[in-house]
Amino acid sequence: MQEILISRRLLLAGFASAVAAAPLRARAQGRASVLVLGMDISDGRNYDPARMSDLTPPLTNGNVYDTLVTLHPGDYATIQPMLATEWGLTQDGKAWRFHLRKGVKFWDGGDFTAEDVKFSLDRMVNLKDQPSAYASNVKSVDIVDSHTVDIVMNDPDVPLLMNLVAPAFAIYSKKLSTAQGAVSGPGADKSDKATAWLNQNSAGTAAYRMVSWERNSAVTLARNPHWWGGKAPFERVVIRHIADGAAQLLALRRGDIDAAFNLNAEQRASLTGSSDLRVEETASLDHIYMTLTSSAELNKALASPEARRAVAYAIDYDGIINGLIGGSAVRPASFLPIGVGGSTAELTQQDGYRQDLDKAKALLAAAGLPGGFEFEMSIANAAILGTNYQIIAQKIQSDLARVGIKMSLKPLDPVNLRTLYNGGKTQSVITFWNTPSPEPSLWSTASVQRVAKRVHWDVPQAMHDLVARASTARSSSEQTKLYIEYQKNLIENANYITLMQPIYRIAVSNKIKDFNATGAGWYVEMKKIRPS
């Protein structure tokens, strides 16, 4: 427990090394200047907005950087102003014009202008890391004047505006970041040197700024004295790595942390009737999914679509959701979460996978594998929804054994798992999809492009065309029809098996108020959290 108990007195002093090692104490004598969040953040590989692609870093980046536009918690359809106060299509319809908020400063006191918007978005595109895929429709960022920019589109029919709410579209200081080696022009993928600095700092305009990150220990934020929204409620925010839900619960009860993100159903139930603690919840747009490779070189049996579907029909999905995570999830039919692109619970019931052992055995026979087969699943040594990935995998392992499929488990450090998976070197994984924004084309395009490469799916051109038609459909009814067809294709192919769409339930101390949980990809709006 020594690792969990960090002194708030030391946090106030701002010594990052002391934050990582010293014992924690409860908030003394009503002092309310430090907010501490407990969470498993072991998956984080970097905090550079233009490179970020993991589950937990958006909690930090979504709160230390502002974007041009945003969403309010619970409303994932109405785009709200942030650094832009007004926007609209240009007269020719080929660009979005943004009028920028005046009087905004970065944390170092530097003025925010259109130059910073252009620099940030150009760097995102030219670094060519995963977030650049979200900006595939950005042709150029053109400065109109010091507080007006045009984002010109490659194809005006392809959605862009909703994508801009994603934390990857963070706007940061050109001056601060270039001083640390950031490059925004062509060739940035080879010459940019700023990521190491951005892993320990931030260069934004938000209520807080990042001052340190120590992997598997903590992320520390400090109040931005120049925040355009006023005075941030806390001097410091610490996102403390606590992998185990029981340890998070103990720390929460002791007053050592103010919110616990990874409690399981039983641990949350123990809070019933508490006058000091409560549970905040929100529907998420994320999902947890299982992959199966199409590569015969990695696994000959899994190269058969029938064998992959046999796996899908052998899994007890209700047992995972109700038995392991206490019902804190719903389940979409495939890659699109419920509430997006025509995805509904009814579609899951009608066309999605459900446990059917007889059908699984028939599919095995059709694949020429009546006795079953073996494959390896790689999993992270980490928690999701208060349950370790290994527990979920063991449940699936038991389900598959009922039809003769043997699944061995390979636990890995989350960063190593991500590297292997992204490199297409895994037979199967259980992993997450953290939504950049509620725009369905971000899911669908990824599933037939970069994610397809990870599972060695040779996507037919007809499927690419279907995704393109869905993303540019002019009527919502036509778009829904096309996305349902897309989902059915994924179900038939069975490279992706969506296990659940989480409902985030976060245990929170009553010593804080206005805890605005959000399912839009960055968990909570810290700028609104205040001492009670």
Protein backbone atom coordinates (compact mmCIF):
# COMPACT_ATOMS: atom_id res chain seq x y z
CA MET A 1 0.00 0.00 0.00
CA GLN A 2 3.03 2.29 0.34
CA GLU A 3 2.84 3.09 -3.38
CA ILE A 4 -0.73 4.32 -3.15
CA LEU A 5 -0.38 6.56 -0.12
CA ILE A 6 1.07 9.81 -1.51
CA SER A 7 1.26 12.92 0.59
CA ARG A 8 -0.90 15.75 -0.61
CA ARG A 9 1.55 18.07 1.14
CA LEU A 10 4.23 16.96 -1.32
CA LEU A 11 1.82 17.22 -4.24
CA LEU A 12 1.22 20.82 -3.33
CA ALA A 13 4.94 21.46 -3.35
CA GLY A 14 5.05 20.15 -6.91
CA PHE A 15 7.90 17.70 -6.56
CA ALA A 16 7.14 15.10 -9.27
CA SER A 17 9.62 12.58 -7.90
CA ALA A 18 8.11 12.87 -4.45
CA VAL A 19 4.66 12.43 -5.95
CA ALA A 20 5.80 9.10 -7.38
CA ALA A 21 7.23 7.69 -4.20
CA ALA A 22 6.11 9.25 -0.93
CA PRO A 23 3.14 8.09 1.22
CA LEU A 24 -0.29 9.60 0.53
CA ARG A 25 -2.31 11.34 3.22
CA ALA A 26 -5.93 12.44 3.28
CA ARG A 27 -6.82 16.03 2.56
CA ALA A 28 -5.69 17.81 5.72
CA GLN A 29 -7.90 20.23 7.62
CA GLY A 30 -10.29 20.73 4.68
CA ARG A 31 -7.52 21.77 2.29
CA ALA A 32 -8.91 21.42 -1.25
CA SER A 33 -6.17 22.48 -3.62
CA VAL A 34 -5.25 19.07 -5.09
CA LEU A 35 -7.50 16.71 -7.05
CA VAL A 36 -6.32 13.07 -7.18
CA LEU A 37 -7.83 10.54 -9.58
CA GLY A 38 -7.11 6.80 -9.28
CA MET A 39 -6.93 4.86 -12.54
CA ASP A 40 -5.05 2.12 -14.38
CA ILE A 41 -2.96 4.18 -16.84
CA SER A 42 -0.49 1.45 -17.75
CA ASP A 43 -1.52 1.50 -21.42
CA GLY A 44 -0.21 5.03 -22.05
CA ARG A 45 2.72 5.17 -24.47
CA ASN A 46 2.88 8.92 -25.11
CA TYR A 47 1.01 12.18 -24.56
CA ASP A 48 1.86 13.93 -27.82
CA PRO A 49 -1.59 14.84 -29.26
CA ALA A 50 -0.46 14.10 -32.81
CA ARG A 51 0.75 10.61 -31.80
CA MET A 52 -1.72 9.63 -29.08
CA SER A 53 -3.68 6.41 -29.76
CA ASP A 54 -4.25 4.66 -26.43
CA LEU A 55 -7.17 4.39 -24.01
CA THR A 56 -6.20 6.56 -21.03
CA PRO A 57 -4.01 9.45 -22.36
CA PRO A 58 -7.10 11.32 -23.68
CA LEU A 59 -8.11 11.89 -20.04
CA THR A 60 -4.99 14.03 -19.72
CA ASN A 61 -4.86 15.56 -23.19
CA GLY A 62 -8.58 16.29 -23.28
CA ASN A 63 -8.05 18.46 -20.20
CA VAL A 64 -4.73 20.20 -20.91
CA TYR A 65 -5.49 21.15 -24.52
CA ASP A 66 -8.45 22.90 -26.09
CA THR A 67 -9.83 22.11 -29.53
CA LEU A 68 -11.63 24.44 -31.90
CA VAL A 69 -14.98 22.85 -31.06
CA THR A 70 -16.17 20.38 -28.45
CA LEU A 71 -19.11 18.36 -27.12
CA HIS A 72 -20.89 18.59 -23.80
CA PRO A 73 -21.17 15.45 -21.64
CA GLY A 74 -24.22 13.41 -22.62
CA ASP A 75 -24.85 15.31 -25.87
CA TYR A 76 -22.81 13.79 -28.67
CA ALA A 77 -24.66 15.42 -31.53
CA THR A 78 -24.52 19.18 -30.81
CA ILE A 79 -21.14 20.74 -31.56
CA GLN A 80 -20.20 23.45 -29.06
CA PRO A 81 -17.72 26.36 -29.26
CA MET A 82 -14.32 26.17 -27.62
CA LEU A 83 -11.37 28.02 -29.18
CA ALA A 84 -13.65 28.84 -32.09
CA THR A 85 -16.69 30.97 -31.32
CA GLU A 86 -18.34 30.74 -34.75
CA TRP A 87 -17.95 28.55 -37.81
CA GLY A 88 -19.59 27.84 -41.14
CA LEU A 89 -18.91 26.68 -44.66
CA THR A 90 -17.23 29.11 -47.02
CA GLN A 91 -19.25 30.34 -49.98
CA ASP A 92 -17.87 27.68 -52.32
CA GLY A 93 -18.61 24.95 -49.75
CA LYS A 94 -15.05 23.61 -49.88
CA ALA A 95 -13.84 24.77 -46.46
CA TRP A 96 -14.96 25.33 -42.89
CA ARG A 97 -14.21 28.86 -41.71
CA PHE A 98 -13.55 29.30 -37.98
CA HIS A 99 -13.62 32.61 -36.13
CA LEU A 100 -11.29 32.25 -33.15
CA ARG A 101 -11.80 33.34 -29.57
CA LYS A 102 -9.90 36.54 -28.79
CA GLY A 103 -7.90 37.23 -25.65
CA VAL A 104 -6.85 33.59 -25.20
CA LYS A 105 -3.32 32.89 -23.94
CA PHE A 106 -1.21 29.78 -23.59
CA TRP A 107 0.03 28.83 -20.12
CA ASP A 108 3.30 30.72 -20.72
CA GLY A 109 1.38 33.93 -21.43
CA GLY A 110 1.81 33.80 -25.21
CA ASP A 111 -1.13 34.94 -27.34
CA PHE A 112 -3.25 32.37 -29.20
CA THR A 113 -3.69 33.15 -32.90
CA ALA A 114 -4.50 31.50 -36.21
CA GLU A 115 -0.80 30.67 -36.61
CA ASP A 116 -1.09 28.19 -33.74
CA VAL A 117 -4.13 26.51 -35.30
CA LYS A 118 -2.36 26.07 -38.61
CA PHE A 119 0.82 24.81 -36.94
CA SER A 120 -1.02 22.27 -34.77
CA LEU A 121 -3.17 20.80 -37.53
CA ASP A 122 -0.37 20.79 -40.11
CA ARG A 123 1.83 18.93 -37.63
CA MET A 124 -0.92 16.38 -36.98
CA VAL A 125 -1.19 15.66 -40.71
CA ASN A 126 2.53 15.65 -41.49
CA LEU A 127 3.66 13.51 -38.56
CA LYS A 128 1.71 10.71 -40.28
CA ASP A 129 1.05 8.92 -37.00
CA GLN A 130 -2.30 7.28 -36.22
CA PRO A 131 -4.20 10.54 -35.47
CA SER A 132 -3.42 11.78 -38.97
CA ALA A 133 -6.04 9.30 -40.21
CA TYR A 134 -8.70 11.43 -38.49
CA ALA A 135 -7.58 14.37 -40.64
CA SER A 136 -7.57 12.50 -43.96
CA ASN A 137 -10.10 15.00 -45.34
CA VAL A 138 -7.97 18.03 -44.45
CA LYS A 139 -6.45 19.43 -47.64
CA SER A 140 -4.95 22.54 -46.08
CA VAL A 141 -5.28 24.98 -43.19
CA ASP A 142 -5.30 28.54 -44.52
CA ILE A 143 -4.94 31.67 -42.39
CA VAL A 144 -7.47 34.38 -43.29
CA ASP A 145 -6.37 36.79 -40.57
CA SER A 146 -4.97 36.57 -37.05
CA HIS A 147 -8.22 35.17 -35.67
CA THR A 148 -9.78 33.44 -38.68
CA VAL A 149 -8.78 30.17 -40.35
CA ASP A 150 -10.16 28.06 -43.19
CA ILE A 151 -9.84 24.29 -43.04
CA VAL A 152 -10.07 23.26 -46.67
CA MET A 153 -11.43 19.79 -47.40
CA ASN A 154 -10.28 17.24 -49.94
CA ASP A 155 -13.90 16.20 -50.42
CA PRO A 156 -16.70 18.48 -49.13
CA ASP A 157 -19.06 15.48 -49.03
CA VAL A 158 -16.89 13.63 -46.49
CA PRO A 159 -17.60 14.56 -42.83
CA LEU A 160 -15.00 16.68 -41.04
CA LEU A 161 -16.58 19.05 -38.52
CA MET A 162 -17.49 16.40 -35.91
CA ASN A 163 -13.96 14.95 -36.11
CA LEU A 164 -12.55 18.23 -34.81
CA VAL A 165 -13.85 17.55 -31.28
CA ALA A 166 -11.30 14.73 -30.88
CA PRO A 167 -8.41 15.39 -28.45
CA ALA A 168 -6.02 14.64 -31.31
CA PHE A 169 -7.10 17.96 -32.86
CA ALA A 170 -5.57 19.79 -29.88
CA ILE A 171 -4.35 23.31 -30.54
CA TYR A 172 -0.96 24.11 -29.03
CA SER A 173 1.55 26.91 -29.02
CA LYS A 174 3.70 27.14 -32.11
CA LYS A 175 6.33 29.08 -30.15
CA LEU A 176 6.53 26.66 -27.21
CA SER A 177 6.52 23.50 -29.29
CA THR A 178 8.96 24.61 -32.00
CA ALA A 179 11.41 25.54 -29.25
CA GLN A 180 11.31 21.86 -28.31
CA GLY A 181 11.85 20.55 -31.82
CA ALA A 182 8.30 20.39 -33.19
CA VAL A 183 8.00 20.53 -36.99
CA SER A 184 4.75 21.04 -38.86
CA GLY A 185 5.71 20.94 -42.53
CA PRO A 186 6.32 18.07 -44.96
CA GLY A 187 8.93 15.67 -43.59
CA ALA A 188 7.81 16.21 -40.00
CA ASP A 189 7.54 12.44 -39.59
CA LYS A 190 11.33 12.27 -39.92
CA SER A 191 12.50 15.56 -38.42
CA ASP A 192 10.13 16.31 -35.53
CA LYS A 193 11.77 15.94 -32.10
CA ALA A 194 9.07 17.29 -29.77
CA THR A 195 7.39 14.09 -28.56
CA ALA A 196 9.78 13.50 -25.66
CA TRP A 197 9.04 17.01 -24.34
CA LEU A 198 5.29 16.65 -24.92
CA ASN A 199 5.34 13.45 -22.89
CA GLN A 200 6.29 15.51 -19.83
CA ASN A 201 4.70 18.86 -20.65
CA SER A 202 1.87 20.41 -22.60
CA ALA A 203 1.62 23.58 -24.65
CA GLY A 204 -2.08 24.36 -24.54
CA THR A 205 -4.65 26.93 -23.46
CA ALA A 206 -6.80 24.73 -21.17
CA ALA A 207 -7.50 25.06 -17.45
CA TYR A 208 -4.54 22.81 -16.57
CA ARG A 209 -1.15 22.04 -18.03
CA MET A 210 0.86 18.84 -17.82
CA VAL A 211 4.06 19.05 -15.76
CA SER A 212 5.16 15.40 -15.55
CA TRP A 213 4.42 11.79 -16.47
CA GLU A 214 6.09 8.76 -14.98
CA ARG A 215 4.87 5.55 -16.57
CA ASN A 216 2.98 3.24 -14.20
CA SER A 217 3.16 5.93 -11.53
CA ALA A 218 1.38 9.24 -12.18
CA VAL A 219 0.55 12.13 -14.48
CA THR A 220 0.70 15.52 -12.75
CA LEU A 221 -1.08 18.66 -13.94
CA ALA A 222 -0.81 22.22 -12.68
CA ARG A 223 -3.22 25.15 -12.83
CA ASN A 224 -2.84 27.33 -15.94
CA PRO A 225 -2.63 30.90 -14.57
CA HIS A 226 -3.66 32.32 -17.96
CA TRP A 227 -6.73 30.14 -18.59
CA TRP A 228 -9.31 32.07 -20.59
CA GLY A 229 -12.13 30.44 -18.59
CA GLY A 230 -11.06 32.02 -15.29
CA LYS A 231 -9.29 30.36 -12.38
CA ALA A 232 -9.07 26.56 -12.47
CA PRO A 233 -10.52 25.07 -9.26
CA PHE A 234 -7.37 23.14 -8.18
CA GLU A 235 -3.71 24.05 -7.99
CA ARG A 236 -2.80 20.53 -9.04
CA VAL A 237 -4.39 17.43 -10.48
CA VAL A 238 -2.73 14.02 -10.13
CA ILE A 239 -3.86 11.04 -12.19
CA ARG A 240 -2.46 8.26 -10.06
CA HIS A 241 -1.72 4.84 -11.52
CA ILE A 242 -3.43 2.28 -9.29
CA ALA A 243 -3.96 -0.90 -11.28
CA ASP A 244 -6.03 -2.86 -8.76
CA GLY A 245 -9.66 -1.97 -8.09
CA ALA A 246 -9.46 -3.06 -4.45
CA ALA A 247 -6.51 -0.72 -3.92
CA GLN A 248 -8.43 2.11 -5.60
CA LEU A 249 -11.41 1.48 -3.32
CA LEU A 250 -9.25 1.54 -0.20
CA ALA A 251 -7.55 4.75 -1.31
CA LEU A 252 -10.95 6.33 -2.02
CA ARG A 253 -12.33 5.34 1.39
CA ARG A 254 -9.22 6.76 3.11
CA GLY A 255 -9.59 10.05 1.25
CA ASP A 256 -6.29 9.57 -0.56
CA ILE A 257 -7.95 9.85 -3.97
CA ASP A 258 -11.10 11.69 -5.02
CA ALA A 259 -12.33 9.33 -7.75
CA ALA A 260 -11.77 5.66 -8.59
CA PHE A 261 -12.20 4.71 -12.24
CA ASN A 262 -11.68 0.94 -12.16
CA LEU A 263 -13.96 -0.51 -9.49
CA ASN A 264 -15.85 -3.70 -10.30
CA ALA A 265 -19.56 -4.21 -9.62
CA GLU A 266 -19.04 -5.74 -6.19
CA GLN A 267 -16.73 -2.92 -5.11
CA ARG A 268 -19.19 -0.29 -6.30
CA ALA A 269 -22.05 -2.08 -4.56
CA SER A 270 -20.13 -1.79 -1.29
CA LEU A 271 -20.60 1.99 -1.54
CA THR A 272 -24.40 1.76 -1.34
CA GLY A 273 -25.66 3.90 1.50
CA SER A 274 -22.37 5.77 1.91
CA SER A 275 -22.74 9.42 2.90
CA ASP A 276 -19.18 10.17 1.78
CA LEU A 277 -19.04 8.51 -1.64
CA ARG A 278 -21.21 8.25 -4.73
CA VAL A 279 -21.13 6.65 -8.17
CA GLU A 280 -21.27 8.80 -11.31
CA GLU A 281 -22.11 7.08 -14.59
CA THR A 282 -22.40 7.77 -18.29
CA ALA A 283 -22.90 5.73 -21.42
CA SER A 284 -19.64 5.35 -23.31
CA LEU A 285 -19.02 5.34 -27.04
CA ASP A 286 -15.96 3.10 -26.57
CA HIS A 287 -16.01 -0.63 -27.07
CA ILE A 288 -14.00 -3.68 -26.03
CA TYR A 289 -13.42 -6.09 -28.88
CA MET A 290 -11.64 -9.31 -29.75
CA THR A 291 -9.72 -9.78 -32.98
CA LEU A 292 -9.07 -12.92 -35.02
CA THR A 293 -6.42 -12.91 -37.72
CA SER A 294 -7.00 -13.94 -41.32
CA SER A 295 -3.33 -14.86 -41.73
CA ALA A 296 -2.77 -18.56 -42.44
CA GLU A 297 0.88 -17.94 -41.64
CA LEU A 298 -0.03 -16.90 -38.09
CA ASN A 299 -2.76 -19.52 -37.66
CA LYS A 300 -3.98 -21.81 -40.45
CA ALA A 301 -7.36 -22.49 -38.85
CA LEU A 302 -8.21 -18.82 -38.28
CA ALA A 303 -7.67 -18.13 -41.97
CA SER A 304 -11.09 -19.78 -42.43
CA PRO A 305 -14.08 -17.42 -41.98
CA GLU A 306 -16.13 -20.39 -40.75
CA ALA A 307 -13.61 -21.08 -37.99
CA ARG A 308 -13.63 -17.42 -36.95
CA ARG A 309 -17.43 -17.41 -36.84
CA ALA A 310 -17.34 -20.61 -34.77
CA VAL A 311 -15.32 -18.70 -32.18
CA ALA A 312 -17.86 -15.86 -32.26
CA TYR A 313 -20.84 -18.16 -31.70
CA ALA A 314 -19.20 -20.04 -28.84
CA ILE A 315 -18.80 -16.98 -26.60
CA ASP A 316 -21.22 -16.32 -23.73
CA TYR A 317 -21.58 -12.55 -24.13
CA ASP A 318 -24.28 -12.15 -21.48
CA GLY A 319 -22.10 -14.06 -19.02
CA ILE A 320 -19.23 -11.64 -19.61
CA ILE A 321 -21.38 -8.52 -19.23
CA ASN A 322 -23.57 -9.67 -16.36
CA GLY A 323 -21.26 -12.07 -14.59
CA LEU A 324 -17.90 -10.29 -14.82
CA ILE A 325 -18.71 -6.58 -14.95
CA GLY A 326 -22.07 -6.45 -13.22
CA GLY A 327 -24.07 -5.32 -16.24
CA SER A 328 -22.00 -2.17 -16.79
CA ALA A 329 -22.16 -2.46 -20.57
CA VAL A 330 -24.37 -2.93 -23.60
CA ARG A 331 -23.31 -4.77 -26.76
CA PRO A 332 -23.38 -3.49 -30.33
CA ALA A 333 -23.66 -5.84 -33.29
CA SER A 334 -20.15 -5.09 -34.50
CA PHE A 335 -17.72 -2.18 -34.81
CA LEU A 336 -20.13 0.78 -34.49
CA PRO A 337 -21.32 1.55 -30.94
CA ILE A 338 -25.00 1.68 -30.15
CA GLY A 339 -26.28 5.16 -30.92
CA VAL A 340 -23.96 5.76 -33.88
CA GLY A 341 -24.59 5.08 -37.58
CA GLY A 342 -27.80 3.14 -37.11
CA SER A 343 -26.29 0.74 -34.55
CA THR A 344 -28.97 -0.37 -32.07
CA ALA A 345 -29.54 -3.05 -29.45
CA GLU A 346 -32.22 -4.47 -31.78
CA LEU A 347 -29.63 -4.90 -34.54
CA THR A 348 -27.45 -6.84 -32.11
CA GLN A 349 -30.34 -9.16 -31.27
CA GLN A 350 -31.27 -9.62 -34.90
CA ASP A 351 -27.92 -9.93 -36.67
CA GLY A 352 -25.15 -9.87 -34.05
CA TYR A 353 -23.37 -12.84 -32.54
CA ARG A 354 -24.99 -14.74 -29.66
CA GLN A 355 -23.90 -17.92 -27.96
CA ASP A 356 -25.09 -20.87 -30.04
CA LEU A 357 -22.93 -23.93 -29.41
CA ASP A 358 -24.67 -26.08 -32.03
CA LYS A 359 -24.06 -23.41 -34.67
CA ALA A 360 -20.42 -23.09 -33.54
CA LYS A 361 -19.94 -26.87 -33.95
CA ALA A 362 -21.59 -26.82 -37.39
CA LEU A 363 -19.28 -23.99 -38.47
CA LEU A 364 -16.26 -25.96 -37.26
CA ALA A 365 -17.40 -28.92 -39.36
CA ALA A 366 -17.88 -26.62 -42.39
CA ALA A 367 -14.32 -25.37 -41.88
CA GLY A 368 -13.04 -28.97 -41.89
CA LEU A 369 -12.24 -28.74 -38.18
CA PRO A 370 -14.88 -30.92 -36.47
CA GLY A 371 -12.54 -31.61 -33.56
CA GLY A 372 -11.77 -27.94 -33.02
CA PHE A 373 -8.42 -26.14 -33.28
CA GLU A 374 -5.96 -24.11 -31.24
CA PHE A 375 -4.94 -20.47 -31.26
CA GLU A 376 -3.20 -17.93 -29.04
CA MET A 377 -4.77 -14.82 -27.55
CA SER A 378 -2.55 -11.91 -26.43
CA ILE A 379 -3.91 -9.85 -23.55
CA ALA A 380 -2.78 -6.84 -21.55
CA ASN A 381 -1.77 -7.03 -17.90
CA ALA A 382 -4.25 -4.27 -17.15
CA ALA A 383 -7.81 -3.61 -16.01
CA ILE A 384 -10.84 -2.52 -17.96
CA LEU A 385 -14.13 -1.64 -16.22
CA GLY A 386 -12.66 -2.87 -12.95
CA THR A 387 -12.00 -6.33 -14.39
CA ASN A 388 -8.61 -7.56 -15.52
CA TYR A 389 -8.37 -8.44 -19.20
CA GLN A 390 -7.10 -11.84 -18.12
CA ILE A 391 -10.37 -12.61 -16.29
CA ILE A 392 -12.38 -11.81 -19.43
CA ALA A 393 -10.01 -13.92 -21.52
CA GLN A 394 -10.29 -16.86 -19.12
CA LYS A 395 -14.08 -16.72 -19.42
CA ILE A 396 -13.81 -16.83 -23.23
CA GLN A 397 -11.25 -19.63 -22.95
CA SER A 398 -13.77 -21.67 -20.96
CA ASP A 399 -16.58 -20.93 -23.42
CA LEU A 400 -14.51 -22.01 -26.44
CA ALA A 401 -13.46 -25.25 -24.77
CA ARG A 402 -17.10 -26.36 -24.86
CA VAL A 403 -16.89 -26.74 -28.64
CA GLY A 404 -13.33 -28.10 -28.75
CA ILE A 405 -11.48 -24.83 -29.43
CA LYS A 406 -8.35 -24.46 -27.33
CA MET A 407 -7.24 -20.89 -26.68
CA SER A 408 -3.93 -20.28 -24.92
CA LEU A 409 -3.33 -16.94 -23.19
CA LYS A 410 -0.29 -14.72 -23.57
CA PRO A 411 -0.30 -11.87 -21.00
CA LEU A 412 1.82 -8.87 -22.01
CA ASP A 413 2.69 -5.40 -20.83
CA PRO A 414 0.05 -3.12 -22.48
CA VAL A 415 2.65 -1.20 -24.47
CA ASN A 416 4.25 -4.39 -25.79
CA LEU A 417 0.83 -5.77 -26.70
CA ARG A 418 -0.04 -2.62 -28.60
CA THR A 419 3.22 -2.78 -30.54
CA LEU A 420 2.67 -6.42 -31.56
CA TYR A 421 -0.98 -5.85 -32.43
CA ASN A 422 -0.31 -2.73 -34.49
CA GLY A 423 2.42 -4.63 -36.31
CA GLY A 424 0.04 -7.44 -37.30
CA LYS A 425 1.93 -10.03 -35.25
CA THR A 426 -0.89 -11.39 -33.09
CA GLN A 427 -3.30 -14.24 -33.74
CA SER A 428 -5.92 -12.72 -31.47
CA VAL A 429 -6.17 -9.92 -28.91
CA ILE A 430 -8.73 -8.38 -26.61
CA THR A 431 -8.37 -4.63 -26.78
CA PHE A 432 -10.34 -1.37 -26.74
CA TRP A 433 -11.55 1.16 -29.26
CA ASN A 434 -11.44 4.63 -27.76
CA THR A 435 -13.64 6.91 -29.82
CA PRO A 436 -11.95 10.04 -31.19
CA SER A 437 -15.38 11.55 -31.93
CA PRO A 438 -18.95 10.35 -32.57
CA GLU A 439 -18.44 10.53 -36.35
CA PRO A 440 -19.15 6.94 -37.59
CA SER A 441 -16.81 7.22 -40.56
CA LEU A 442 -13.85 7.25 -38.13
CA TRP A 443 -14.80 3.75 -36.98
CA SER A 444 -15.79 2.35 -40.36
CA THR A 445 -12.80 3.72 -42.27
CA ALA A 446 -10.36 2.46 -39.62
CA SER A 447 -11.92 -1.00 -39.63
CA VAL A 448 -11.28 -1.50 -43.34
CA GLN A 449 -7.92 0.28 -43.42
CA ARG A 450 -5.38 0.32 -40.58
CA VAL A 451 -7.20 -2.12 -38.26
CA ALA A 452 -7.75 -4.50 -41.18
CA LYS A 453 -3.99 -4.57 -41.74
CA ARG A 454 -3.45 -5.67 -38.13
CA VAL A 455 -5.62 -8.75 -38.66
CA HIS A 456 -4.41 -9.37 -42.25
CA TRP A 457 -7.85 -8.90 -43.76
CA ASP A 458 -7.61 -8.33 -47.50
CA VAL A 459 -10.61 -6.02 -47.72
CA PRO A 460 -12.60 -6.30 -50.98
CA GLN A 461 -12.97 -3.11 -52.97
CA ALA A 462 -16.75 -3.43 -52.63
CA MET A 463 -16.36 -3.05 -48.86
CA HIS A 464 -14.21 0.06 -49.25
CA ASP A 465 -16.85 1.47 -51.61
CA LEU A 466 -19.62 0.68 -49.12
CA VAL A 467 -17.81 2.56 -46.34
CA ALA A 468 -17.22 5.52 -48.66
CA ARG A 469 -20.89 5.64 -49.69
CA ALA A 470 -22.01 5.47 -46.06
CA SER A 471 -19.73 8.33 -44.99
CA THR A 472 -20.96 10.62 -47.77
CA ALA A 473 -24.67 9.71 -47.72
CA ARG A 474 -26.74 12.87 -47.73
CA SER A 475 -29.78 11.55 -45.88
CA SER A 476 -29.70 9.96 -42.42
CA SER A 477 -31.99 7.13 -43.56
CA GLU A 478 -29.67 6.24 -46.43
CA GLN A 479 -26.64 6.46 -44.18
CA THR A 480 -28.26 4.18 -41.60
CA LYS A 481 -29.14 1.64 -44.29
CA LEU A 482 -25.55 1.59 -45.59
CA TYR A 483 -23.99 1.33 -42.13
CA ILE A 484 -26.26 -1.60 -41.27
CA GLU A 485 -25.06 -3.34 -44.43
CA TYR A 486 -21.48 -2.56 -43.38
CA GLN A 487 -22.09 -4.09 -39.95
CA LYS A 488 -23.54 -7.26 -41.49
CA ASN A 489 -20.44 -7.62 -43.65
CA LEU A 490 -18.19 -7.38 -40.59
CA ILE A 491 -20.29 -9.98 -38.77
CA GLU A 492 -19.98 -12.38 -41.69
CA ASN A 493 -16.23 -11.86 -41.92
CA ALA A 494 -15.65 -12.29 -38.15
CA ASN A 495 -12.26 -10.60 -37.81
CA TYR A 496 -13.73 -8.35 -35.10
CA ILE A 497 -15.93 -9.63 -32.28
CA THR A 498 -17.28 -6.76 -30.18
CA LEU A 499 -17.66 -7.96 -26.60
CA MET A 500 -19.17 -4.89 -24.97
CA GLN A 501 -19.75 -1.13 -25.03
CA PRO A 502 -18.99 0.06 -21.48
CA ILE A 503 -21.17 2.12 -19.23
CA TYR A 504 -18.62 4.06 -17.23
CA ARG A 505 -19.37 3.98 -13.50
CA ILE A 506 -16.87 6.02 -11.51
CA ALA A 507 -16.82 6.14 -7.70
CA VAL A 508 -16.43 9.71 -6.50
CA SER A 509 -15.87 11.40 -3.14
CA ASN A 510 -18.54 13.81 -1.97
CA LYS A 511 -15.69 16.21 -1.17
CA ILE A 512 -15.84 17.19 -4.84
CA LYS A 513 -18.79 18.29 -6.98
CA ASP A 514 -19.63 18.89 -10.64
CA PHE A 515 -17.91 15.68 -11.75
CA ASN A 516 -18.98 15.69 -15.40
CA ALA A 517 -18.30 12.22 -16.77
CA THR A 518 -18.31 12.03 -20.56
CA GLY A 519 -18.40 9.16 -23.03
CA ALA A 520 -16.85 11.27 -25.79
CA GLY A 521 -13.34 9.94 -25.36
CA TRP A 522 -11.76 11.83 -22.47
CA TYR A 523 -13.74 10.55 -19.45
CA VAL A 524 -14.37 13.73 -17.48
CA GLU A 525 -14.23 17.52 -17.80
CA MET A 526 -11.75 18.44 -15.07
CA LYS A 527 -12.24 22.19 -15.51
CA LYS A 528 -15.70 21.87 -13.95
CA ILE A 529 -14.78 19.69 -10.95
CA ARG A 530 -14.73 21.73 -7.75
CA PRO A 531 -14.27 21.16 -4.03
CA SER A 532 -17.61 20.77 -2.24
